[in-house]
Structures are given as C-alpha cells and as structure tokens.
C-alpha cells in the first residue's frame, strides 16, 4: 500500500488507475500493536489501522481485500484473482505490476503445531483471534519462542490474568542480542509474572482434537492456549529480479 500511495502522489487518477489486491481482511495496520490489543492495552483494534480500504478509495486507490492472486500471465499482462467471499475468479489487466507479498510466518516443524488452540501472531486477524481466545478465559497458556512477539504475547496474557509459561530453546530470550542483555530481558519477563523455561527445545504440542499440553525436552506443560512467538519469516516464493 506504500507503493500504491507513492504512485498516486506522482500520477493523478485520470492518468493512472491503481488497484491493490489483498488476501487478508485489512490494509495498512500496525502489526507491532497486536499483542497489546490481545492484552487489552489497546482497547479498539481499529486504532491499529492506519488506512482502511474506504480511506484508500478517497485517494482513488482501489484496495480490494479478501482477494487472492492465483496466477500471473506475463504475456497477456493479466492476473487471475479470486474473490474469497464471492468464490469467483476474474482476470484483471495491468500495465505495471508490483508484487509486494513480503514474507509469511513459518510454523516450526513440531508435531501438533496445527492443533486448534495453537495460534501465531502475524497479521491483524491473528491479533483478533488471540484477543478472543484471551477473552474466553484460558486456564493456562504457553508461548513457544522468546523473540519480540513471544515476549509481548506472554506479557499480554499475564496482564489478562492468564498463567503463562514461555519456552525458549536458547539459553536466554532474545537470541539475537548479546547473552548478558538477553539475561536482563529474561529476568524482566520473570518480574512481570512469566514462568520462563530456557534451554528447552519444544519436542511436541499434544492434544486430542485441541491443544492440551506442550512437551519440551525436560517437562510437559499443560496448556489450552499456545502462541507461536518466534517463528522465523519465510521469504516470499516470488523470485527476486536480477540487479
């Protein structure tokens, strides 16, 4: 949407038609605020949205949410788009095509990672789902991974009164910073009430129809809510254009 906005600044609507297809249900939002919405620090998720499709329309940018691009025909200069709500496809022409798919979260290859009750925290809908899960009053939560998102999610859940453990395979959380700094962050997490287990890789997420526990190399932690907090980003499958 940044590319669309910059293009509109350079060319007026009579000179350039701009259409943006988004598979999800929202545009231009603060992903960093998702844990804070789940933790009820942010009261209304709409405050996380910088611009809605309706606001883009005022700039003469046609932002179509819930539309997934399925194929690109380079010769015909068309994209095949599926309207996920209507269930129909259409071929849309283009003169200039911008592919801005970014990356997608990579769910770790852990048995049970796809069980109901195991949530990621990447797009706005994930934040809405985690808030709903916290509102439902889970008995016990486990966060897998001590990266930025994992720590924020753990703090948010503790703030909602949910007993929360965080499991990190490394010796300290925040493995990308120096170990002595990571130790300070680990202690800060304990200080706010997070039960922290470091140096314990997760071996499996257990459940029968729904998550009920997380098993590490050292222990089994009961949980009816699991948040994946450090899944690395997987690059987009689109190849890079040569420099």
Protein backbone atom coordinates (compact mmCIF):
# COMPACT_ATOMS: atom_id res chain seq x y z
CA UNK A 1 0.00 0.00 0.00
CA UNK A 2 3.00 2.26 0.42
CA UNK A 3 3.84 1.69 -3.25
CA UNK A 4 0.25 2.47 -4.22
CA UNK A 5 0.24 5.67 -2.17
CA UNK A 6 3.55 6.87 -3.64
CA UNK A 7 2.32 6.12 -7.16
CA UNK A 8 -0.80 8.17 -6.55
CA UNK A 9 1.29 11.10 -5.35
CA UNK A 10 3.14 11.07 -8.66
CA UNK A 11 0.22 10.44 -11.01
CA UNK A 12 -3.36 11.66 -10.71
CA UNK A 13 -6.40 9.41 -11.03
CA UNK A 14 -7.14 10.43 -14.63
CA UNK A 15 -3.63 9.38 -15.64
CA UNK A 16 -3.19 6.19 -13.60
CA UNK A 17 -5.67 3.65 -12.27
CA UNK A 18 -4.38 1.85 -9.16
CA UNK A 19 -5.78 -1.47 -7.95
CA UNK A 20 -4.36 -3.38 -4.97
CA UNK A 21 -5.32 -6.98 -4.13
CA UNK A 22 -5.02 -8.15 -0.52
CA UNK A 23 -5.76 -11.73 0.53
CA UNK A 24 -6.48 -10.75 4.13
CA UNK A 25 -9.27 -8.66 5.52
CA UNK A 26 -7.36 -5.49 6.42
CA UNK A 27 -4.90 -2.99 4.97
CA UNK A 28 -2.17 -0.80 6.45
CA UNK A 29 -2.16 -1.66 10.15
CA UNK A 30 0.36 -1.75 12.98
CA UNK A 31 1.40 -5.38 13.43
CA UNK A 32 3.53 -4.37 16.43
CA UNK A 33 0.37 -3.43 18.30
CA UNK A 34 -1.29 -6.84 18.00
CA UNK A 35 -0.07 -8.20 21.38
CA UNK A 36 -1.22 -5.02 23.07
CA UNK A 37 -4.70 -5.44 21.66
CA UNK A 38 -4.74 -9.03 22.90
CA UNK A 39 -3.61 -7.74 26.29
CA UNK A 40 -6.38 -5.11 26.40
CA UNK A 41 -3.87 -2.25 26.49
CA UNK A 42 -5.23 -1.22 23.09
CA UNK A 43 -9.00 -1.22 23.55
CA UNK A 44 -10.16 -0.96 19.96
CA UNK A 45 -8.36 -2.79 17.14
CA UNK A 46 -9.47 -0.09 14.72
CA UNK A 47 -6.94 2.27 16.28
CA UNK A 48 -4.22 -0.04 14.90
CA UNK A 49 -5.39 0.56 11.34
CA UNK A 50 -3.62 3.43 9.60
CA UNK A 51 -5.84 3.42 6.49
CA UNK A 52 -8.92 1.41 5.60
CA UNK A 53 -9.95 0.43 2.05
CA UNK A 54 -12.52 3.22 2.23
CA UNK A 55 -9.80 5.76 3.02
CA UNK A 56 -7.69 4.47 0.15
CA UNK A 57 -10.74 4.85 -2.09
CA UNK A 58 -10.76 8.56 -1.22
CA UNK A 59 -7.28 8.70 -2.78
CA UNK A 60 -8.66 6.89 -5.84
CA UNK A 61 -6.83 3.67 -4.90
CA UNK A 62 -9.00 0.59 -5.33
CA UNK A 63 -7.90 -1.65 -2.42
CA UNK A 64 -9.71 -4.97 -2.70
CA UNK A 65 -9.46 -7.01 0.47
CA UNK A 66 -10.20 -10.75 0.57
CA UNK A 67 -8.89 -11.05 -2.99
CA UNK A 68 -6.16 -13.59 -3.66
CA UNK A 69 -3.98 -13.51 -6.77
CA UNK A 70 -3.72 -17.07 -8.06
CA UNK A 71 -1.75 -16.65 -11.30
CA UNK A 72 0.10 -14.09 -13.40
CA UNK A 73 0.13 -14.18 -17.19
CA UNK A 74 3.16 -12.16 -18.24
CA UNK A 75 2.44 -12.38 -21.96
CA UNK A 76 -1.18 -11.23 -21.68
CA UNK A 77 -0.38 -8.85 -18.81
CA UNK A 78 -3.19 -10.14 -16.66
CA UNK A 79 -3.56 -11.54 -13.16
CA UNK A 80 -6.11 -14.12 -12.16
CA UNK A 81 -7.79 -13.06 -8.91
CA UNK A 82 -10.15 -14.99 -6.68
CA UNK A 83 -12.74 -13.11 -4.64
CA UNK A 84 -12.62 -15.22 -1.49
CA UNK A 85 -16.03 -14.09 -0.26
CA UNK A 86 -17.92 -14.44 -3.53
CA UNK A 87 -15.99 -17.55 -4.59
CA UNK A 88 -15.45 -16.37 -8.15
CA UNK A 89 -12.36 -15.59 -10.21
CA UNK A 90 -11.63 -12.86 -12.72
CA UNK A 91 -8.73 -11.82 -14.97
CA UNK A 92 -7.54 -8.29 -14.34
CA UNK A 93 -5.28 -6.37 -16.76
CA UNK A 94 -2.16 -4.44 -15.81
CA UNK A 95 0.42 -2.21 -17.43
CA UNK A 96 2.75 -2.09 -14.41
CA UNK A 97 2.71 -4.89 -11.84
CA UNK A 98 4.10 -4.50 -8.32
CA UNK A 99 4.47 -7.71 -6.30
CA UNK A 100 4.57 -6.85 -2.60
CA UNK A 101 3.90 -10.17 -0.90
CA UNK A 102 6.63 -9.75 1.72
CA UNK A 103 7.14 -12.86 3.82
CA UNK A 104 4.94 -15.29 5.68
CA UNK A 105 5.36 -16.87 9.11
CA UNK A 106 6.97 -20.28 9.10
CA UNK A 107 5.29 -22.63 11.56
CA UNK A 108 8.03 -24.75 13.15
CA UNK A 109 8.06 -28.46 12.26
CA UNK A 110 6.74 -29.56 15.65
CA UNK A 111 4.22 -32.40 15.94
CA UNK A 112 0.83 -30.94 16.85
CA UNK A 113 1.59 -27.41 15.67
CA UNK A 114 -1.64 -27.34 13.64
CA UNK A 115 -3.92 -28.29 16.53
CA UNK A 116 -6.81 -25.93 17.31
CA UNK A 117 -5.74 -23.57 20.06
CA UNK A 118 -2.25 -23.08 18.62
CA UNK A 119 -2.04 -19.53 17.29
CA UNK A 120 0.54 -17.40 15.51
CA UNK A 121 0.69 -13.62 15.68
CA UNK A 122 1.50 -12.18 12.29
CA UNK A 123 -1.50 -10.45 10.67
CA UNK A 124 -4.29 -8.40 12.18
CA UNK A 125 -6.71 -11.32 12.17
CA UNK A 126 -4.25 -13.24 14.37
CA UNK A 127 -4.46 -10.43 16.92
CA UNK A 128 -8.25 -10.51 16.82
CA UNK A 129 -8.20 -14.28 17.32
CA UNK A 130 -5.75 -14.09 20.24
CA UNK A 131 -7.85 -11.40 21.91
CA UNK A 132 -10.92 -13.61 21.54
CA UNK A 133 -9.00 -16.56 22.99
CA UNK A 134 -7.88 -14.45 25.97
CA UNK A 135 -11.43 -13.19 26.47
CA UNK A 136 -12.62 -16.79 26.68
CA UNK A 137 -10.57 -17.26 29.84
CA UNK A 138 -7.99 -19.96 29.12
CA UNK A 139 -6.79 -21.81 32.21
CA UNK A 140 -3.13 -21.89 31.20
CA UNK A 141 -1.09 -20.62 28.23
CA UNK A 142 2.31 -21.49 26.81
CA UNK A 143 4.27 -19.24 24.45
CA UNK A 144 6.79 -21.03 22.25
CA UNK A 145 9.77 -18.82 21.50
CA UNK A 146 11.33 -15.82 23.21
CA UNK A 147 11.55 -13.33 20.38
CA UNK A 148 9.90 -9.91 20.33
CA UNK A 149 6.44 -11.24 19.57
CA UNK A 150 6.70 -14.11 22.04
CA UNK A 151 7.70 -11.82 24.90
CA UNK A 152 4.98 -9.30 24.08
CA UNK A 153 2.36 -12.04 23.83
CA UNK A 154 3.45 -13.57 27.15
CA UNK A 155 3.31 -10.20 28.90
CA UNK A 156 -0.12 -9.52 27.39
CA UNK A 157 -1.54 -12.83 28.57
CA UNK A 158 -0.12 -12.42 32.08
CA UNK A 159 -1.68 -8.97 32.13
CA UNK A 160 -5.02 -10.57 31.33
CA UNK A 161 -4.64 -12.85 34.34
CA UNK A 162 -3.75 -15.97 32.37
CA UNK A 163 -0.98 -18.10 33.96
CA UNK A 164 1.62 -18.14 31.19
CA UNK A 165 4.87 -20.01 30.60
CA UNK A 166 7.36 -19.15 27.88
CA UNK A 167 9.61 -21.86 26.45
CA UNK A 168 12.82 -20.87 24.69
CA UNK A 169 15.34 -23.27 23.15
CA UNK A 170 18.25 -20.88 23.65
CA UNK A 171 19.98 -20.08 26.95
CA UNK A 172 18.18 -16.71 27.15
CA UNK A 173 15.36 -14.97 25.36
CA UNK A 174 16.09 -12.54 22.53
CA UNK A 175 18.79 -14.73 21.00
CA UNK A 176 19.77 -12.02 18.50
CA UNK A 177 21.22 -9.78 21.18
CA UNK A 178 24.24 -10.37 23.43
CA UNK A 179 23.72 -13.05 26.09
CA UNK A 180 24.21 -10.64 29.01
CA UNK A 181 21.49 -8.39 27.60
CA UNK A 182 19.29 -11.40 26.95
CA UNK A 183 19.68 -12.38 30.62
CA UNK A 184 18.36 -8.95 31.63
CA UNK A 185 15.33 -9.35 29.37
CA UNK A 186 14.74 -12.86 30.72
CA UNK A 187 14.70 -11.50 34.25
CA UNK A 188 12.34 -8.71 33.21
CA UNK A 189 9.95 -11.34 31.84
CA UNK A 190 10.07 -13.22 35.14
CA UNK A 191 9.49 -9.98 37.01
CA UNK A 192 6.15 -9.40 35.27
CA UNK A 193 4.99 -12.92 36.08
CA UNK A 194 6.01 -15.02 33.08
CA UNK A 195 7.24 -18.50 34.03
CA UNK A 196 10.33 -18.85 31.87
CA UNK A 197 11.97 -22.08 30.74
CA UNK A 198 15.17 -21.53 28.75
CA UNK A 199 17.40 -24.12 27.12
CA UNK A 200 14.39 -26.36 26.45
CA UNK A 201 13.52 -27.09 22.82
CA UNK A 202 9.88 -27.99 22.25
CA UNK A 203 9.52 -31.61 21.13
CA UNK A 204 5.76 -31.74 20.57
CA UNK A 205 2.47 -29.99 21.11
CA UNK A 206 0.00 -32.52 22.45
CA UNK A 207 -3.75 -32.71 22.25
CA UNK A 208 -6.77 -34.72 21.20
CA UNK A 209 -8.83 -32.53 18.90
CA UNK A 210 -7.49 -29.44 20.70
CA UNK A 211 -4.22 -28.47 22.32
CA UNK A 212 -3.77 -29.60 25.93
CA UNK A 213 0.00 -29.53 26.57
CA UNK A 214 3.44 -28.58 25.31
CA UNK A 215 6.21 -31.12 25.76
CA UNK A 216 9.81 -29.98 25.94
CA UNK A 217 13.00 -31.97 26.39
CA UNK A 218 12.61 -31.58 30.16
CA UNK A 219 8.92 -31.34 31.04
CA UNK A 220 5.29 -31.31 29.94
CA UNK A 221 3.40 -28.04 30.41
CA UNK A 222 -0.39 -28.08 30.45
CA UNK A 223 -1.96 -25.50 28.16
CA UNK A 224 -5.26 -24.83 26.47
CA UNK A 225 -3.75 -21.92 24.55
CA UNK A 226 -0.40 -21.92 22.75
CA UNK A 227 1.15 -18.93 20.97
CA UNK A 228 4.00 -19.33 18.49
CA UNK A 229 6.27 -16.48 19.42
CA UNK A 230 9.46 -16.79 17.41
CA UNK A 231 8.60 -18.48 14.13
CA UNK A 232 11.11 -17.16 11.57
CA UNK A 233 9.84 -15.40 8.49
CA UNK A 234 9.88 -17.41 5.29
CA UNK A 235 10.75 -15.31 2.23
CA UNK A 236 8.16 -14.87 -0.45
CA UNK A 237 8.21 -17.61 -3.11
CA UNK A 238 8.46 -14.94 -5.81
CA UNK A 239 11.97 -14.80 -7.29
CA UNK A 240 13.96 -11.61 -6.99
CA UNK A 241 14.57 -9.62 -10.13
CA UNK A 242 18.29 -9.60 -11.03
CA UNK A 243 20.07 -6.37 -10.16
